[in-house]
PDB file of N, CA and C in Angstrom:
ATOM      1  N   UNK A   1     111.128  84.926  70.966  1.00  0.00           N
ATOM      2  CA  UNK A   1     110.077  84.295  71.737  1.00  0.00           C
ATOM      3  C   UNK A   1     108.951  85.289  72.039  1.00  0.00           C
ATOM      4  N   UNK A   2     109.306  86.523  72.347  1.00  0.00           N
ATOM      5  CA  UNK A   2     108.310  87.537  72.662  1.00  0.00           C
ATOM      6  C   UNK A   2     107.394  87.790  71.469  1.00  0.00           C
ATOM      7  N   UNK A   3     107.966  87.833  70.260  1.00  0.00           N
ATOM      8  CA  UNK A   3     107.159  88.064  69.067  1.00  0.00           C
ATOM      9  C   UNK A   3     106.164  86.931  68.866  1.00  0.00           C
ATOM     10  N   UNK A   4     106.578  85.712  69.110  1.00  0.00           N
ATOM     11  CA  UNK A   4     105.696  84.558  68.987  1.00  0.00           C
ATOM     12  C   UNK A   4     104.556  84.637  69.997  1.00  0.00           C
ATOM     13  N   UNK A   5     104.846  85.034  71.211  1.00  0.00           N
ATOM     14  CA  UNK A   5     103.820  85.180  72.245  1.00  0.00           C
ATOM     15  C   UNK A   5     102.818  86.258  71.875  1.00  0.00           C
ATOM     16  N   UNK A   6     103.311  87.369  71.327  1.00  0.00           N
ATOM     17  CA  UNK A   6     102.417  88.453  70.896  1.00  0.00           C
ATOM     18  C   UNK A   6     101.505  87.976  69.776  1.00  0.00           C
ATOM     19  N   UNK A   7     102.051  87.209  68.862  1.00  0.00           N
ATOM     20  CA  UNK A   7     101.280  86.704  67.737  1.00  0.00           C
ATOM     21  C   UNK A   7     100.173  85.765  68.218  1.00  0.00           C
ATOM     22  N   UNK A   8     100.500  84.876  69.129  1.00  0.00           N
ATOM     23  CA  UNK A   8      99.507  83.956  69.686  1.00  0.00           C
ATOM     24  C   UNK A   8      98.428  84.732  70.426  1.00  0.00           C
ATOM     25  N   UNK A   9      98.856  85.733  71.204  1.00  0.00           N
ATOM     26  CA  UNK A   9      97.907  86.571  71.938  1.00  0.00           C
ATOM     27  C   UNK A   9      96.900  87.218  70.986  1.00  0.00           C
ATOM     28  N   UNK A  10      97.407  87.814  69.908  1.00  0.00           N
ATOM     29  CA  UNK A  10      96.523  88.517  68.969  1.00  0.00           C
ATOM     30  C   UNK A  10      95.589  87.547  68.251  1.00  0.00           C
ATOM     31  N   UNK A  11      96.069  86.365  67.906  1.00  0.00           N
ATOM     32  CA  UNK A  11      95.200  85.376  67.264  1.00  0.00           C
ATOM     33  C   UNK A  11      94.079  84.960  68.206  1.00  0.00           C
ATOM     34  N   UNK A  12      94.427  84.687  69.460  1.00  0.00           N
ATOM     35  CA  UNK A  12      93.413  84.310  70.438  1.00  0.00           C
ATOM     36  C   UNK A  12      92.434  85.448  70.708  1.00  0.00           C
ATOM     37  N   UNK A  13      92.979  86.649  70.820  1.00  0.00           N
ATOM     38  CA  UNK A  13      92.153  87.818  71.105  1.00  0.00           C
ATOM     39  C   UNK A  13      91.072  87.988  70.045  1.00  0.00           C
ATOM     40  N   UNK A  14      91.430  87.936  68.766  1.00  0.00           N
ATOM     41  CA  UNK A  14      90.457  88.165  67.700  1.00  0.00           C
ATOM     42  C   UNK A  14      89.516  86.976  67.533  1.00  0.00           C
ATOM     43  N   UNK A  15      89.946  85.797  67.960  1.00  0.00           N
ATOM     44  CA  UNK A  15      89.054  84.631  67.888  1.00  0.00           C
ATOM     45  C   UNK A  15      88.023  84.669  69.019  1.00  0.00           C
ATOM     46  N   UNK A  16      88.434  85.148  70.200  1.00  0.00           N
ATOM     47  CA  UNK A  16      87.554  85.157  71.369  1.00  0.00           C
ATOM     48  C   UNK A  16      86.717  86.424  71.498  1.00  0.00           C
ATOM     49  N   UNK A  17      87.101  87.479  70.813  1.00  0.00           N
ATOM     50  CA  UNK A  17      86.402  88.753  70.927  1.00  0.00           C
ATOM     51  C   UNK A  17      84.890  88.633  70.684  1.00  0.00           C
ATOM     52  N   UNK A  18      84.442  87.939  69.632  1.00  0.00           N
ATOM     53  CA  UNK A  18      82.995  87.825  69.435  1.00  0.00           C
ATOM     54  C   UNK A  18      82.283  87.120  70.601  1.00  0.00           C
ATOM     55  N   UNK A  19      82.945  86.167  71.217  1.00  0.00           N
ATOM     56  CA  UNK A  19      82.358  85.454  72.362  1.00  0.00           C
ATOM     57  C   UNK A  19      82.173  86.410  73.534  1.00  0.00           C
ATOM     58  N   UNK A  20      83.211  87.176  73.844  1.00  0.00           N
ATOM     59  CA  UNK A  20      83.130  88.123  74.953  1.00  0.00           C
ATOM     60  C   UNK A  20      82.109  89.225  74.677  1.00  0.00           C
ATOM     61  N   UNK A  21      82.038  89.663  73.424  1.00  0.00           N
ATOM     62  CA  UNK A  21      81.047  90.691  73.070  1.00  0.00           C
ATOM     63  C   UNK A  21      79.636  90.158  73.238  1.00  0.00           C
ATOM     64  N   UNK A  22      79.398  88.922  72.835  1.00  0.00           N
ATOM     65  CA  UNK A  22      78.061  88.317  72.982  1.00  0.00           C
ATOM     66  C   UNK A  22      77.687  88.207  74.462  1.00  0.00           C
ATOM     67  N   UNK A  23      78.631  87.818  75.300  1.00  0.00           N
ATOM     68  CA  UNK A  23      78.370  87.730  76.738  1.00  0.00           C
ATOM     69  C   UNK A  23      78.056  89.104  77.314  1.00  0.00           C
ATOM     70  N   UNK A  24      78.765  90.115  76.862  1.00  0.00           N
ATOM     71  CA  UNK A  24      78.525  91.484  77.333  1.00  0.00           C
ATOM     72  C   UNK A  24      77.130  91.956  76.942  1.00  0.00           C
ATOM     73  N   UNK A  25      76.712  91.630  75.722  1.00  0.00           N
ATOM     74  CA  UNK A  25      75.369  92.021  75.285  1.00  0.00           C
ATOM     75  C   UNK A  25      74.302  91.287  76.094  1.00  0.00           C
ATOM     76  N   UNK A  26      74.515  90.006  76.364  1.00  0.00           N
ATOM     77  CA  UNK A  26      73.558  89.251  77.182  1.00  0.00           C
ATOM     78  C   UNK A  26      73.400  89.886  78.562  1.00  0.00           C
ATOM     79  N   UNK A  27      74.520  90.263  79.174  1.00  0.00           N
ATOM     80  CA  UNK A  27      74.456  90.904  80.498  1.00  0.00           C
ATOM     81  C   UNK A  27      73.723  92.237  80.427  1.00  0.00           C
ATOM     82  N   UNK A  28      73.977  93.005  79.373  1.00  0.00           N
ATOM     83  CA  UNK A  28      73.309  94.294  79.210  1.00  0.00           C
ATOM     84  C   UNK A  28      71.795  94.101  79.127  1.00  0.00           C
ATOM     85  N   UNK A  29      71.346  93.196  78.258  1.00  0.00           N
ATOM     86  CA  UNK A  29      69.912  92.995  78.076  1.00  0.00           C
ATOM     87  C   UNK A  29      69.256  92.401  79.313  1.00  0.00           C
ATOM     88  N   UNK A  30      69.950  91.548  80.052  1.00  0.00           N
ATOM     89  CA  UNK A  30      69.394  90.987  81.278  1.00  0.00           C
ATOM     90  C   UNK A  30      69.241  92.042  82.367  1.00  0.00           C
ATOM     91  N   UNK A  31      70.202  92.925  82.469  1.00  0.00           N
ATOM     92  CA  UNK A  31      70.147  93.919  83.550  1.00  0.00           C
ATOM     93  C   UNK A  31      69.324  95.153  83.193  1.00  0.00           C
ATOM     94  N   UNK A  32      69.395  95.617  81.963  1.00  0.00           N
ATOM     95  CA  UNK A  32      68.714  96.856  81.577  1.00  0.00           C
ATOM     96  C   UNK A  32      67.311  96.631  81.011  1.00  0.00           C
ATOM     97  N   UNK A  33      67.077  95.526  80.372  1.00  0.00           N
ATOM     98  CA  UNK A  33      65.782  95.173  79.774  1.00  0.00           C
ATOM     99  C   UNK A  33      65.172  96.321  78.959  1.00  0.00           C
ATOM    100  N   UNK A  34      65.907  96.805  77.956  1.00  0.00           N
ATOM    101  CA  UNK A  34      65.364  97.912  77.158  1.00  0.00           C
ATOM    102  C   UNK A  34      64.159  97.469  76.334  1.00  0.00           C
ATOM    103  N   UNK A  35      63.215  98.361  76.190  1.00  0.00           N
ATOM    104  CA  UNK A  35      62.026  98.095  75.382  1.00  0.00           C
ATOM    105  C   UNK A  35      62.338  98.427  73.926  1.00  0.00           C
ATOM    106  N   UNK A  36      61.653  97.767  72.986  1.00  0.00           N
ATOM    107  CA  UNK A  36      61.835  98.136  71.578  1.00  0.00           C
ATOM    108  C   UNK A  36      61.582  99.634  71.395  1.00  0.00           C
ATOM    109  N   UNK A  37      62.451 100.267  70.621  1.00  0.00           N
ATOM    110  CA  UNK A  37      62.346 101.702  70.394  1.00  0.00           C
ATOM    111  C   UNK A  37      63.136 102.540  71.385  1.00  0.00           C
ATOM    112  N   UNK A  38      63.705 101.900  72.410  1.00  0.00           N
ATOM    113  CA  UNK A  38      64.505 102.642  73.399  1.00  0.00           C
ATOM    114  C   UNK A  38      65.698 103.307  72.732  1.00  0.00           C
ATOM    115  N   UNK A  39      66.082 104.464  73.272  1.00  0.00           N
ATOM    116  CA  UNK A  39      67.278 105.157  72.812  1.00  0.00           C
ATOM    117  C   UNK A  39      68.439 104.702  73.685  1.00  0.00           C
ATOM    118  N   UNK A  40      69.520 104.248  73.047  1.00  0.00           N
ATOM    119  CA  UNK A  40      70.684 103.737  73.771  1.00  0.00           C
ATOM    120  C   UNK A  40      71.909 104.512  73.325  1.00  0.00           C
ATOM    121  N   UNK A  41      72.651 105.044  74.296  1.00  0.00           N
ATOM    122  CA  UNK A  41      73.896 105.759  74.030  1.00  0.00           C
ATOM    123  C   UNK A  41      75.053 104.854  74.425  1.00  0.00           C
ATOM    124  N   UNK A  42      75.881 104.495  73.465  1.00  0.00           N
ATOM    125  CA  UNK A  42      77.060 103.651  73.701  1.00  0.00           C
ATOM    126  C   UNK A  42      78.290 104.540  73.630  1.00  0.00           C
ATOM    127  N   UNK A  43      78.835 104.880  74.779  1.00  0.00           N
ATOM    128  CA  UNK A  43      80.016 105.740  74.840  1.00  0.00           C
ATOM    129  C   UNK A  43      81.253 104.877  74.618  1.00  0.00           C
ATOM    130  N   UNK A  44      81.980 105.182  73.552  1.00  0.00           N
ATOM    131  CA  UNK A  44      83.179 104.412  73.219  1.00  0.00           C
ATOM    132  C   UNK A  44      82.898 103.210  72.342  1.00  0.00           C
ATOM    133  N   UNK A  45      81.681 103.098  71.833  1.00  0.00           N
ATOM    134  CA  UNK A  45      81.325 101.959  70.998  1.00  0.00           C
ATOM    135  C   UNK A  45      81.810 102.134  69.564  1.00  0.00           C
ATOM    136  N   UNK A  46      81.998 101.020  68.890  1.00  0.00           N
ATOM    137  CA  UNK A  46      82.438 101.032  67.493  1.00  0.00           C
ATOM    138  C   UNK A  46      81.440 100.261  66.633  1.00  0.00           C
ATOM    139  N   UNK A  47      81.235 100.694  65.387  1.00  0.00           N
ATOM    140  CA  UNK A  47      80.367  99.919  64.506  1.00  0.00           C
ATOM    141  C   UNK A  47      80.977  98.563  64.154  1.00  0.00           C
ATOM    142  N   UNK A  48      82.304  98.491  64.094  1.00  0.00           N
ATOM    143  CA  UNK A  48      83.025  97.235  63.835  1.00  0.00           C
ATOM    144  C   UNK A  48      84.487  97.456  64.221  1.00  0.00           C
ATOM    145  N   UNK A  49      85.195  96.370  64.458  1.00  0.00           N
ATOM    146  CA  UNK A  49      86.602  96.468  64.843  1.00  0.00           C
ATOM    147  C   UNK A  49      87.356  95.326  64.182  1.00  0.00           C
ATOM    148  N   UNK A  50      88.216  95.653  63.232  1.00  0.00           N
ATOM    149  CA  UNK A  50      89.014  94.653  62.510  1.00  0.00           C
ATOM    150  C   UNK A  50      88.157  93.514  61.969  1.00  0.00           C
ATOM    151  N   UNK A  51      87.021  93.849  61.406  1.00  0.00           N
ATOM    152  CA  UNK A  51      86.160  92.840  60.808  1.00  0.00           C
ATOM    153  C   UNK A  51      85.197  92.159  61.768  1.00  0.00           C
ATOM    154  N   UNK A  52      85.347  92.417  63.068  1.00  0.00           N
ATOM    155  CA  UNK A  52      84.419  91.844  64.044  1.00  0.00           C
ATOM    156  C   UNK A  52      83.234  92.792  64.145  1.00  0.00           C
ATOM    157  N   UNK A  53      82.009  92.291  63.877  1.00  0.00           N
ATOM    158  CA  UNK A  53      80.843  93.182  63.911  1.00  0.00           C
ATOM    159  C   UNK A  53      80.682  93.868  65.260  1.00  0.00           C
ATOM    160  N   UNK A  54      80.152  95.068  65.227  1.00  0.00           N
ATOM    161  CA  UNK A  54      79.908  95.815  66.452  1.00  0.00           C
ATOM    162  C   UNK A  54      78.840  95.153  67.316  1.00  0.00           C
ATOM    163  N   UNK A  55      78.772  95.581  68.558  1.00  0.00           N
ATOM    164  CA  UNK A  55      77.826  95.005  69.511  1.00  0.00           C
ATOM    165  C   UNK A  55      76.378  95.159  69.076  1.00  0.00           C
ATOM    166  N   UNK A  56      76.081  96.215  68.367  1.00  0.00           N
ATOM    167  CA  UNK A  56      74.690  96.555  68.075  1.00  0.00           C
ATOM    168  C   UNK A  56      74.215  96.091  66.703  1.00  0.00           C
ATOM    169  N   UNK A  57      75.035  95.424  65.919  1.00  0.00           N
ATOM    170  CA  UNK A  57      74.664  95.059  64.546  1.00  0.00           C
ATOM    171  C   UNK A  57      73.310  94.372  64.449  1.00  0.00           C
ATOM    172  N   UNK A  58      72.997  93.486  65.358  1.00  0.00           N
ATOM    173  CA  UNK A  58      71.734  92.746  65.289  1.00  0.00           C
ATOM    174  C   UNK A  58      70.567  93.484  65.938  1.00  0.00           C
ATOM    175  N   UNK A  59      70.813  94.695  66.421  1.00  0.00           N
ATOM    176  CA  UNK A  59      69.779  95.406  67.183  1.00  0.00           C
ATOM    177  C   UNK A  59      69.459  96.794  66.629  1.00  0.00           C
ATOM    178  N   UNK A  60      70.033  97.145  65.494  1.00  0.00           N
ATOM    179  CA  UNK A  60      69.877  98.506  64.967  1.00  0.00           C
ATOM    180  C   UNK A  60      68.431  98.832  64.600  1.00  0.00           C
ATOM    181  N   UNK A  61      67.633  97.849  64.225  1.00  0.00           N
ATOM    182  CA  UNK A  61      66.247  98.142  63.851  1.00  0.00           C
ATOM    183  C   UNK A  61      65.313  98.129  65.063  1.00  0.00           C
ATOM    184  N   UNK A  62      65.753  97.533  66.170  1.00  0.00           N
ATOM    185  CA  UNK A  62      64.920  97.434  67.365  1.00  0.00           C
ATOM    186  C   UNK A  62      65.073  98.649  68.269  1.00  0.00           C
ATOM    187  N   UNK A  63      66.269  99.226  68.300  1.00  0.00           N
ATOM    188  CA  UNK A  63      66.577 100.344  69.205  1.00  0.00           C
ATOM    189  C   UNK A  63      67.179 101.503  68.420  1.00  0.00           C
ATOM    190  N   UNK A  64      67.124 102.682  69.016  1.00  0.00           N
ATOM    191  CA  UNK A  64      67.801 103.852  68.441  1.00  0.00           C
ATOM    192  C   UNK A  64      69.178 103.933  69.093  1.00  0.00           C
ATOM    193  N   UNK A  65      70.202 103.499  68.380  1.00  0.00           N
ATOM    194  CA  UNK A  65      71.552 103.400  68.926  1.00  0.00           C
ATOM    195  C   UNK A  65      72.381 104.604  68.485  1.00  0.00           C
ATOM    196  N   UNK A  66      73.048 105.234  69.432  1.00  0.00           N
ATOM    197  CA  UNK A  66      73.992 106.305  69.140  1.00  0.00           C
ATOM    198  C   UNK A  66      75.345 105.899  69.704  1.00  0.00           C
ATOM    199  N   UNK A  67      76.379 105.904  68.852  1.00  0.00           N
ATOM    200  CA  UNK A  67      77.746 105.633  69.290  1.00  0.00           C
ATOM    201  C   UNK A  67      78.448 106.971  69.462  1.00  0.00           C
ATOM    202  N   UNK A  68      79.031 107.195  70.626  1.00  0.00           N
ATOM    203  CA  UNK A  68      79.692 108.461  70.929  1.00  0.00           C
ATOM    204  C   UNK A  68      81.171 108.199  71.217  1.00  0.00           C
ATOM    205  N   UNK A  69      82.028 108.860  70.454  1.00  0.00           N
ATOM    206  CA  UNK A  69      83.477 108.723  70.635  1.00  0.00           C
ATOM    207  C   UNK A  69      84.136 110.094  70.500  1.00  0.00           C
ATOM    208  N   UNK A  70      85.221 110.282  71.199  1.00  0.00           N
ATOM    209  CA  UNK A  70      85.991 111.516  71.054  1.00  0.00           C
ATOM    210  C   UNK A  70      86.781 111.480  69.764  1.00  0.00           C
ATOM    211  N   UNK A  71      86.921 112.625  69.075  1.00  0.00           N
ATOM    212  CA  UNK A  71      87.702 112.637  67.836  1.00  0.00           C
ATOM    213  C   UNK A  71      89.123 112.137  68.085  1.00  0.00           C
ATOM    214  N   UNK A  72      89.564 111.215  67.228  1.00  0.00           N
ATOM    215  CA  UNK A  72      90.933 110.696  67.322  1.00  0.00           C
ATOM    216  C   UNK A  72      91.115 109.590  68.343  1.00  0.00           C
ATOM    217  N   UNK A  73      90.064 109.203  69.057  1.00  0.00           N
ATOM    218  CA  UNK A  73      90.224 108.225  70.137  1.00  0.00           C
ATOM    219  C   UNK A  73      90.595 106.834  69.642  1.00  0.00           C
ATOM    220  N   UNK A  74      90.337 106.539  68.372  1.00  0.00           N
ATOM    221  CA  UNK A  74      90.648 105.213  67.848  1.00  0.00           C
ATOM    222  C   UNK A  74      91.691 105.259  66.728  1.00  0.00           C
ATOM    223  N   UNK A  75      92.450 106.347  66.659  1.00  0.00           N
ATOM    224  CA  UNK A  75      93.456 106.478  65.603  1.00  0.00           C
ATOM    225  C   UNK A  75      94.527 105.397  65.669  1.00  0.00           C
ATOM    226  N   UNK A  76      94.812 104.873  66.854  1.00  0.00           N
ATOM    227  CA  UNK A  76      95.917 103.926  67.007  1.00  0.00           C
ATOM    228  C   UNK A  76      95.450 102.468  66.933  1.00  0.00           C
ATOM    229  N   UNK A  77      94.180 102.211  66.657  1.00  0.00           N
ATOM    230  CA  UNK A  77      93.687 100.824  66.566  1.00  0.00           C
ATOM    231  C   UNK A  77      94.134 100.162  65.310  1.00  0.00           C
TER     232      UNK A  77
END
């Protein structure tokens, strides 16, 4: 039963992840209101995760985006 619950959890997680990411981006743009050309540092950000596009994919030409991660921080993903 536990394995089935984990499987359902992971299916839901990957289906809902893009929705939650879009909401997070909306909140960021509403609160920060960056101007075109702004430099943005995303600490812990990923270009993509298991096929789900990264948060900044649609904004790479509008802003100067830097993703900062510690070496090895995503080895277990």
